Amino acid sequence: MSFIAALSPRQLIQYGAAWLFFGLFTVQLALILVSGELGLWALIAAFLAMYLADALSGIAHFFLDYTPTPTDRGLKELFYFKGSKGSETYTRQRADAMKRINAFEEMVFDFKIHHISPGTLGRRPFLRLTLPVIYFSGLPMSVLTLCLYGFDWISTEWFIFLSLLTAGTTICQYAHACAHKKEVPPIPALLQRLGLFVTAKKHHSHHLNLGHDFCMLNGWSNPLVNQIFQLCLKCGWFNTDNLTPK
């Protein structure tokens, strides 16, 4: 009860969305297991879903990096805070600032501050990392996929693909965080060795140049997403000044 009482209304909604998502995705997994379609198609679908999930994570990454934050909400002061970001002063200052912005703006700010404090991401637990992704992407995708399949509007093959895509997009931020951990847990470390999770070496290029290599799941789609980002820049859709709060 003390944990729940300490949560903000926004966090309560996000945690509620997360538990609903986990319940619905468990149903999706059960339906896949009883479908009898776990053959060659499932392997092909898994590869395609991982590639597309990686691409979507990269597009979301550069969109959030280059989306401006609202002004006069205390975000600039947080971004340039002098001292430990684990201090009580910073924690209190951040909590006050977050009350002045919505959940999407909070996510935009977190992506920007990650560039100057990359190690913070690696210290966050799995649920803290996936809550915003579940809220904005995972839960809507899971509901849509189950509805399409339940009304027989898509085949079992498409259901498997969309379910795997949902899983890939949901864990992309956790895979990203593992690239910043000093000690990577055994399972993510194995996934990194297999090339299924992005490694610290592969992701480091993004922090050397914030204009490329945005993909967060495994990095397979970086060449494609780099071209998409350059096209967006040429079209004038993004301003590099928006990398920092104003």
C-alpha atoms as a PDB file:
ATOM      1  CA  MET A   1       0.000   0.000   0.000  1.00  0.00           C
ATOM      2  CA  SER A   2       2.858   2.386   0.781  1.00  0.00           C
ATOM      3  CA  PHE A   3       4.248   1.771  -2.730  1.00  0.00           C
ATOM      4  CA  ILE A   4       0.895   2.599  -4.335  1.00  0.00           C
ATOM      5  CA  ALA A   5       0.459   5.655  -2.142  1.00  0.00           C
ATOM      6  CA  ALA A   6       3.843   6.970  -3.316  1.00  0.00           C
ATOM      7  CA  LEU A   7       2.825   6.823  -6.983  1.00  0.00           C
ATOM      8  CA  SER A   8       1.599   9.869  -8.876  1.00  0.00           C
ATOM      9  CA  PRO A   9      -1.737   9.665 -10.753  1.00  0.00           C
ATOM     10  CA  ARG A  10       0.236   9.350 -14.005  1.00  0.00           C
ATOM     11  CA  GLN A  11       2.256   6.455 -12.623  1.00  0.00           C
ATOM     12  CA  LEU A  12      -0.878   4.716 -11.355  1.00  0.00           C
ATOM     13  CA  ILE A  13      -2.351   4.858 -14.858  1.00  0.00           C
ATOM     14  CA  GLN A  14       0.872   3.575 -16.408  1.00  0.00           C
ATOM     15  CA  TYR A  15       1.185   0.699 -13.934  1.00  0.00           C
ATOM     16  CA  GLY A  16      -2.454  -0.211 -14.521  1.00  0.00           C
ATOM     17  CA  ALA A  17      -1.841  -0.179 -18.282  1.00  0.00           C
ATOM     18  CA  ALA A  18       1.224  -2.375 -17.791  1.00  0.00           C
ATOM     19  CA  TRP A  19      -0.593  -5.074 -15.834  1.00  0.00           C
ATOM     20  CA  LEU A  20      -3.443  -5.053 -18.344  1.00  0.00           C
ATOM     21  CA  PHE A  21      -0.907  -5.426 -21.144  1.00  0.00           C
ATOM     22  CA  PHE A  22       0.846  -8.351 -19.446  1.00  0.00           C
ATOM     23  CA  GLY A  23      -2.520 -10.089 -19.048  1.00  0.00           C
ATOM     24  CA  LEU A  24      -3.513  -9.537 -22.674  1.00  0.00           C
ATOM     25  CA  PHE A  25      -0.102 -10.543 -24.000  1.00  0.00           C
ATOM     26  CA  THR A  26      -0.278 -13.765 -21.980  1.00  0.00           C
ATOM     27  CA  VAL A  27      -3.505 -14.503 -23.849  1.00  0.00           C
ATOM     28  CA  GLN A  28      -1.716 -13.811 -27.141  1.00  0.00           C
ATOM     29  CA  LEU A  29       1.073 -16.239 -26.254  1.00  0.00           C
ATOM     30  CA  ALA A  30      -1.456 -18.908 -25.280  1.00  0.00           C
ATOM     31  CA  LEU A  31      -3.290 -18.488 -28.594  1.00  0.00           C
ATOM     32  CA  ILE A  32      -0.012 -18.803 -30.504  1.00  0.00           C
ATOM     33  CA  LEU A  33       0.934 -21.983 -28.638  1.00  0.00           C
ATOM     34  CA  VAL A  34      -2.398 -23.671 -29.402  1.00  0.00           C
ATOM     35  CA  SER A  35      -2.517 -22.438 -33.007  1.00  0.00           C
ATOM     36  CA  GLY A  36      -0.311 -25.224 -34.345  1.00  0.00           C
ATOM     37  CA  GLU A  37       1.563 -22.707 -36.537  1.00  0.00           C
ATOM     38  CA  LEU A  38       4.935 -22.802 -34.775  1.00  0.00           C
ATOM     39  CA  GLY A  39       6.885 -23.897 -37.846  1.00  0.00           C
ATOM     40  CA  LEU A  40       9.074 -22.217 -40.441  1.00  0.00           C
ATOM     41  CA  TRP A  41       6.646 -19.311 -40.767  1.00  0.00           C
ATOM     42  CA  ALA A  42       7.046 -18.490 -37.072  1.00  0.00           C
ATOM     43  CA  LEU A  43      10.834 -18.208 -37.522  1.00  0.00           C
ATOM     44  CA  ILE A  44      10.431 -15.980 -40.576  1.00  0.00           C
ATOM     45  CA  ALA A  45       7.831 -13.883 -38.734  1.00  0.00           C
ATOM     46  CA  ALA A  46      10.168 -13.550 -35.750  1.00  0.00           C
ATOM     47  CA  PHE A  47      13.001 -12.255 -37.943  1.00  0.00           C
ATOM     48  CA  LEU A  48      10.741  -9.793 -39.803  1.00  0.00           C
ATOM     49  CA  ALA A  49       9.147  -8.615 -36.543  1.00  0.00           C
ATOM     50  CA  MET A  50      12.546  -8.033 -34.912  1.00  0.00           C
ATOM     51  CA  TYR A  51      13.742  -6.056 -37.932  1.00  0.00           C
ATOM     52  CA  LEU A  52      10.605  -3.906 -38.086  1.00  0.00           C
ATOM     53  CA  ALA A  53      10.526  -3.415 -34.300  1.00  0.00           C
ATOM     54  CA  ASP A  54      14.144  -2.231 -34.458  1.00  0.00           C
ATOM     55  CA  ALA A  55      13.292   0.184 -37.278  1.00  0.00           C
ATOM     56  CA  LEU A  56      10.283   1.550 -35.408  1.00  0.00           C
ATOM     57  CA  SER A  57      12.410   2.001 -32.274  1.00  0.00           C
ATOM     58  CA  GLY A  58      14.935   4.002 -34.297  1.00  0.00           C
ATOM     59  CA  ILE A  59      12.271   6.214 -35.867  1.00  0.00           C
ATOM     60  CA  ALA A  60      10.688   6.799 -32.458  1.00  0.00           C
ATOM     61  CA  HIS A  61      14.150   7.567 -31.063  1.00  0.00           C
ATOM     62  CA  PHE A  62      14.997  10.337 -33.518  1.00  0.00           C
ATOM     63  CA  PHE A  63      11.460  11.698 -33.332  1.00  0.00           C
ATOM     64  CA  LEU A  64      11.723  12.019 -29.538  1.00  0.00           C
ATOM     65  CA  ASP A  65      15.305  13.327 -29.680  1.00  0.00           C
ATOM     66  CA  TYR A  66      14.351  16.158 -32.013  1.00  0.00           C
ATOM     67  CA  THR A  67      10.905  17.017 -30.660  1.00  0.00           C
ATOM     68  CA  PRO A  68      11.064  20.296 -28.680  1.00  0.00           C
ATOM     69  CA  THR A  69      10.207  20.302 -24.992  1.00  0.00           C
ATOM     70  CA  PRO A  70       7.808  22.899 -23.542  1.00  0.00           C
ATOM     71  CA  THR A  71       9.459  26.020 -22.140  1.00  0.00           C
ATOM     72  CA  ASP A  72       9.148  27.517 -18.641  1.00  0.00           C
ATOM     73  CA  ARG A  73       8.406  24.172 -16.979  1.00  0.00           C
ATOM     74  CA  GLY A  74      11.741  23.732 -15.211  1.00  0.00           C
ATOM     75  CA  LEU A  75      13.100  21.280 -17.792  1.00  0.00           C
ATOM     76  CA  LYS A  76      16.063  23.417 -18.831  1.00  0.00           C
ATOM     77  CA  GLU A  77      17.100  23.731 -15.188  1.00  0.00           C
ATOM     78  CA  LEU A  78      16.859  19.950 -14.784  1.00  0.00           C
ATOM     79  CA  PHE A  79      18.873  19.331 -17.935  1.00  0.00           C
ATOM     80  CA  TYR A  80      21.724  21.576 -16.790  1.00  0.00           C
ATOM     81  CA  PHE A  81      21.487  20.594 -13.111  1.00  0.00           C
ATOM     82  CA  LYS A  82      24.835  20.824 -11.342  1.00  0.00           C
ATOM     83  CA  GLY A  83      25.409  17.948  -8.999  1.00  0.00           C
ATOM     84  CA  SER A  84      24.243  14.380  -8.608  1.00  0.00           C
ATOM     85  CA  LYS A  85      21.054  13.400 -10.404  1.00  0.00           C
ATOM     86  CA  GLY A  86      20.530  10.889  -7.643  1.00  0.00           C
ATOM     87  CA  SER A  87      20.389  13.595  -4.979  1.00  0.00           C
ATOM     88  CA  GLU A  88      17.281  14.515  -3.012  1.00  0.00           C
ATOM     89  CA  THR A  89      17.389  18.038  -4.463  1.00  0.00           C
ATOM     90  CA  TYR A  90      17.329  16.775  -8.043  1.00  0.00           C
ATOM     91  CA  THR A  91      14.629  14.197  -7.282  1.00  0.00           C
ATOM     92  CA  ARG A  92      12.378  16.840  -5.739  1.00  0.00           C
ATOM     93  CA  GLN A  93      13.077  19.304  -8.564  1.00  0.00           C
ATOM     94  CA  ARG A  94      12.303  16.646 -11.173  1.00  0.00           C
ATOM     95  CA  ALA A  95       9.048  15.635  -9.462  1.00  0.00           C
ATOM     96  CA  ASP A  96       7.909  19.266  -9.464  1.00  0.00           C
ATOM     97  CA  ALA A  97       8.789  19.685 -13.158  1.00  0.00           C
ATOM     98  CA  MET A  98       7.038  16.455 -14.180  1.00  0.00           C
ATOM     99  CA  LYS A  99       3.791  17.750 -12.656  1.00  0.00           C
ATOM    100  CA  ARG A 100       3.856  20.595 -15.184  1.00  0.00           C
ATOM    101  CA  ILE A 101       4.123  18.389 -18.274  1.00  0.00           C
ATOM    102  CA  ASN A 102       2.235  15.407 -19.693  1.00  0.00           C
ATOM    103  CA  ALA A 103       3.432  11.811 -20.093  1.00  0.00           C
ATOM    104  CA  PHE A 104       4.578  12.299 -23.685  1.00  0.00           C
ATOM    105  CA  GLU A 105       6.573  15.425 -22.825  1.00  0.00           C
ATOM    106  CA  GLU A 106       8.202  13.535 -19.949  1.00  0.00           C
ATOM    107  CA  MET A 107       9.332  10.834 -22.378  1.00  0.00           C
ATOM    108  CA  VAL A 108      10.709  13.491 -24.760  1.00  0.00           C
ATOM    109  CA  PHE A 109      12.692  15.048 -21.906  1.00  0.00           C
ATOM    110  CA  ASP A 110      14.054  11.667 -20.765  1.00  0.00           C
ATOM    111  CA  PHE A 111      15.423  10.972 -24.237  1.00  0.00           C
ATOM    112  CA  LYS A 112      17.227  14.317 -24.290  1.00  0.00           C
ATOM    113  CA  ILE A 113      18.766  14.035 -20.839  1.00  0.00           C
ATOM    114  CA  HIS A 114      19.888  10.509 -21.673  1.00  0.00           C
ATOM    115  CA  HIS A 115      22.518  11.998 -23.991  1.00  0.00           C
ATOM    116  CA  ILE A 116      24.325  13.718 -21.110  1.00  0.00           C
ATOM    117  CA  SER A 117      23.571  11.047 -18.473  1.00  0.00           C
ATOM    118  CA  PRO A 118      23.570   7.745 -20.399  1.00  0.00           C
ATOM    119  CA  GLY A 119      24.437   5.671 -17.339  1.00  0.00           C
ATOM    120  CA  THR A 120      21.136   6.549 -15.654  1.00  0.00           C
ATOM    121  CA  LEU A 121      19.218   4.438 -18.160  1.00  0.00           C
ATOM    122  CA  GLY A 122      21.285   1.364 -17.336  1.00  0.00           C
ATOM    123  CA  ARG A 123      20.397   1.630 -13.654  1.00  0.00           C
ATOM    124  CA  ARG A 124      16.629   1.642 -14.180  1.00  0.00           C
ATOM    125  CA  PRO A 125      14.625  -1.575 -13.614  1.00  0.00           C
ATOM    126  CA  PHE A 126      12.774  -3.379 -16.402  1.00  0.00           C
ATOM    127  CA  LEU A 127       9.294  -2.134 -15.534  1.00  0.00           C
ATOM    128  CA  ARG A 128      10.412   1.491 -15.178  1.00  0.00           C
ATOM    129  CA  LEU A 129      11.915   1.290 -18.664  1.00  0.00           C
ATOM    130  CA  THR A 130       8.937  -0.344 -20.331  1.00  0.00           C
ATOM    131  CA  LEU A 131       6.075   1.587 -18.680  1.00  0.00           C
ATOM    132  CA  PRO A 132       6.011   4.482 -21.205  1.00  0.00           C
ATOM    133  CA  VAL A 133       6.408   2.077 -24.152  1.00  0.00           C
ATOM    134  CA  ILE A 134       3.548  -0.100 -22.908  1.00  0.00           C
ATOM    135  CA  TYR A 135       1.348   2.939 -22.308  1.00  0.00           C
ATOM    136  CA  PHE A 136       1.859   4.494 -25.746  1.00  0.00           C
ATOM    137  CA  SER A 137       2.528   1.414 -27.879  1.00  0.00           C
ATOM    138  CA  GLY A 138       2.393  -2.044 -26.290  1.00  0.00           C
ATOM    139  CA  LEU A 139      -1.126  -1.943 -24.871  1.00  0.00           C
ATOM    140  CA  PRO A 140      -2.782  -0.358 -27.952  1.00  0.00           C
ATOM    141  CA  MET A 141      -0.997  -2.854 -30.236  1.00  0.00           C
ATOM    142  CA  SER A 142      -2.020  -5.791 -28.060  1.00  0.00           C
ATOM    143  CA  VAL A 143      -5.680  -4.714 -27.953  1.00  0.00           C
ATOM    144  CA  LEU A 144      -5.728  -4.120 -31.719  1.00  0.00           C
ATOM    145  CA  THR A 145      -4.083  -7.465 -32.503  1.00  0.00           C
ATOM    146  CA  LEU A 146      -6.483  -9.428 -30.305  1.00  0.00           C
ATOM    147  CA  CYS A 147      -9.486  -7.617 -31.772  1.00  0.00           C
ATOM    148  CA  LEU A 148      -8.384  -8.253 -35.356  1.00  0.00           C
ATOM    149  CA  TYR A 149      -7.793 -11.938 -34.612  1.00  0.00           C
ATOM    150  CA  GLY A 150     -10.877 -12.346 -32.452  1.00  0.00           C
ATOM    151  CA  PHE A 151     -13.138 -11.009 -35.224  1.00  0.00           C
ATOM    152  CA  ASP A 152     -11.316 -13.232 -37.746  1.00  0.00           C
ATOM    153  CA  TRP A 153     -10.072 -10.213 -39.740  1.00  0.00           C
ATOM    154  CA  ILE A 154      -6.476 -11.495 -39.869  1.00  0.00           C
ATOM    155  CA  SER A 155      -4.971 -14.956 -40.287  1.00  0.00           C
ATOM    156  CA  THR A 156      -3.065 -16.849 -37.615  1.00  0.00           C
ATOM    157  CA  GLU A 157       0.181 -16.038 -39.447  1.00  0.00           C
ATOM    158  CA  TRP A 158      -0.493 -12.303 -39.235  1.00  0.00           C
ATOM    159  CA  PHE A 159      -1.534 -12.710 -35.592  1.00  0.00           C
ATOM    160  CA  ILE A 160       1.823 -14.314 -34.779  1.00  0.00           C
ATOM    161  CA  PHE A 161       3.710 -11.583 -36.657  1.00  0.00           C
ATOM    162  CA  LEU A 162       1.849  -8.732 -34.930  1.00  0.00           C
ATOM    163  CA  SER A 163       2.257 -10.382 -31.528  1.00  0.00           C
ATOM    164  CA  LEU A 164       6.016 -10.730 -32.040  1.00  0.00           C
ATOM    165  CA  LEU A 165       6.176  -7.140 -33.290  1.00  0.00           C
ATOM    166  CA  THR A 166       4.407  -6.017 -30.123  1.00  0.00           C
ATOM    167  CA  ALA A 167       6.934  -7.906 -27.994  1.00  0.00           C
ATOM    168  CA  GLY A 168       9.882  -6.441 -29.900  1.00  0.00           C
ATOM    169  CA  THR A 169       8.728  -2.839 -29.640  1.00  0.00           C
ATOM    170  CA  THR A 170       7.884  -3.276 -25.954  1.00  0.00           C
ATOM    171  CA  ILE A 171      11.350  -4.471 -24.927  1.00  0.00           C
ATOM    172  CA  CYS A 172      13.355  -2.117 -27.177  1.00  0.00           C
ATOM    173  CA  GLN A 173      14.015   0.392 -24.393  1.00  0.00           C
ATOM    174  CA  TYR A 174      15.169  -2.405 -22.077  1.00  0.00           C
ATOM    175  CA  ALA A 175      17.550  -3.660 -24.786  1.00  0.00           C
ATOM    176  CA  HIS A 176      18.778  -0.067 -25.132  1.00  0.00           C
ATOM    177  CA  ALA A 177      19.316   0.167 -21.372  1.00  0.00           C
ATOM    178  CA  CYS A 178      21.320  -3.071 -21.350  1.00  0.00           C
ATOM    179  CA  ALA A 179      23.786  -1.419 -23.744  1.00  0.00           C
ATOM    180  CA  HIS A 180      24.461   1.082 -20.933  1.00  0.00           C
ATOM    181  CA  LYS A 181      24.728  -1.372 -18.030  1.00  0.00           C
ATOM    182  CA  LYS A 182      28.098  -1.918 -16.414  1.00  0.00           C
ATOM    183  CA  GLU A 183      27.082  -5.501 -15.626  1.00  0.00           C
ATOM    184  CA  VAL A 184      24.607  -6.972 -18.109  1.00  0.00           C
ATOM    185  CA  PRO A 185      22.351  -9.737 -16.691  1.00  0.00           C
ATOM    186  CA  PRO A 186      22.928 -13.244 -18.142  1.00  0.00           C
ATOM    187  CA  ILE A 187      19.913 -13.448 -20.474  1.00  0.00           C
ATOM    188  CA  PRO A 188      20.349  -9.986 -22.065  1.00  0.00           C
ATOM    189  CA  ALA A 189      24.096 -10.692 -22.329  1.00  0.00           C
ATOM    190  CA  LEU A 190      23.315 -13.883 -24.262  1.00  0.00           C
ATOM    191  CA  LEU A 191      20.912 -11.969 -26.527  1.00  0.00           C
ATOM    192  CA  GLN A 192      23.658  -9.406 -27.167  1.00  0.00           C
ATOM    193  CA  ARG A 193      26.100 -12.160 -28.163  1.00  0.00           C
ATOM    194  CA  LEU A 194      23.469 -13.592 -30.517  1.00  0.00           C
ATOM    195  CA  GLY A 195      22.925 -10.167 -32.081  1.00  0.00           C
ATOM    196  CA  LEU A 196      19.314  -9.963 -30.879  1.00  0.00           C
ATOM    197  CA  PHE A 197      20.009  -7.076 -28.467  1.00  0.00           C
ATOM    198  CA  VAL A 198      22.098  -4.033 -29.352  1.00  0.00           C
ATOM    199  CA  THR A 199      25.570  -4.058 -27.795  1.00  0.00           C
ATOM    200  CA  ALA A 200      27.369  -1.200 -26.078  1.00  0.00           C
ATOM    201  CA  LYS A 201      29.924  -1.109 -28.894  1.00  0.00           C
ATOM    202  CA  LYS A 202      27.279  -0.844 -31.609  1.00  0.00           C
ATOM    203  CA  HIS A 203      25.206   1.733 -29.729  1.00  0.00           C
ATOM    204  CA  HIS A 204      28.208   3.891 -28.763  1.00  0.00           C
ATOM    205  CA  SER A 205      28.323   5.340 -32.280  1.00  0.00           C
ATOM    206  CA  HIS A 206      25.004   7.102 -31.613  1.00  0.00           C
ATOM    207  CA  HIS A 207      26.435   8.933 -28.603  1.00  0.00           C
ATOM    208  CA  LEU A 208      29.452  10.024 -30.651  1.00  0.00           C
ATOM    209  CA  ASN A 209      27.144  11.496 -33.304  1.00  0.00           C
ATOM    210  CA  LEU A 210      23.511  12.091 -32.347  1.00  0.00           C
ATOM    211  CA  GLY A 211      22.548  12.199 -36.013  1.00  0.00           C
ATOM    212  CA  HIS A 212      22.749   8.466 -36.750  1.00  0.00           C
ATOM    213  CA  ASP A 213      22.401   4.896 -35.429  1.00  0.00           C
ATOM    214  CA  PHE A 214      19.167   5.469 -33.504  1.00  0.00           C
ATOM    215  CA  CYS A 215      17.878   1.877 -33.406  1.00  0.00           C
ATOM    216  CA  MET A 216      17.479   0.537 -29.880  1.00  0.00           C
ATOM    217  CA  LEU A 217      16.532  -3.147 -30.133  1.00  0.00           C
ATOM    218  CA  ASN A 218      19.360  -4.789 -32.061  1.00  0.00           C
ATOM    219  CA  GLY A 219      20.683  -2.231 -34.561  1.00  0.00           C
ATOM    220  CA  TRP A 220      19.781  -4.302 -37.644  1.00  0.00           C
ATOM    221  CA  SER A 221      17.777  -1.425 -39.127  1.00  0.00           C
ATOM    222  CA  ASN A 222      20.310   1.369 -38.574  1.00  0.00           C
ATOM    223  CA  PRO A 223      21.252   1.691 -42.284  1.00  0.00           C
ATOM    224  CA  LEU A 224      17.578   2.097 -43.250  1.00  0.00           C
ATOM    225  CA  VAL A 225      16.683   4.439 -40.379  1.00  0.00           C
ATOM    226  CA  ASN A 226      19.780   6.581 -41.004  1.00  0.00           C
ATOM    227  CA  GLN A 227      18.531   7.197 -44.541  1.00  0.00           C
ATOM    228  CA  ILE A 228      15.029   8.023 -43.280  1.00  0.00           C
ATOM    229  CA  PHE A 229      16.441  10.498 -40.762  1.00  0.00           C
ATOM    230  CA  GLN A 230      18.620  12.220 -43.367  1.00  0.00           C
ATOM    231  CA  LEU A 231      15.563  12.560 -45.602  1.00  0.00           C
ATOM    232  CA  CYS A 232      13.636  14.141 -42.712  1.00  0.00           C
ATOM    233  CA  LEU A 233      16.467  16.625 -42.163  1.00  0.00           C
ATOM    234  CA  LYS A 234      16.538  17.556 -45.851  1.00  0.00           C
ATOM    235  CA  CYS A 235      12.785  18.147 -45.747  1.00  0.00           C
ATOM    236  CA  GLY A 236      13.277  20.478 -42.750  1.00  0.00           C
ATOM    237  CA  TRP A 237      11.100  18.422 -40.429  1.00  0.00           C
ATOM    238  CA  PHE A 238      13.600  18.481 -37.552  1.00  0.00           C
ATOM    239  CA  ASN A 239      15.719  21.210 -36.003  1.00  0.00           C
ATOM    240  CA  THR A 240      18.998  20.179 -34.343  1.00  0.00           C
ATOM    241  CA  ASP A 241      18.534  22.964 -31.778  1.00  0.00           C
ATOM    242  CA  ASN A 242      15.730  20.862 -30.269  1.00  0.00           C
ATOM    243  CA  LEU A 243      18.203  18.314 -28.907  1.00  0.00           C
ATOM    244  CA  THR A 244      18.309  20.321 -25.676  1.00  0.00           C
ATOM    245  CA  PRO A 245      15.481  21.899 -23.647  1.00  0.00           C
ATOM    246  CA  LYS A 246      14.979  25.649 -24.045  1.00  0.00           C
END
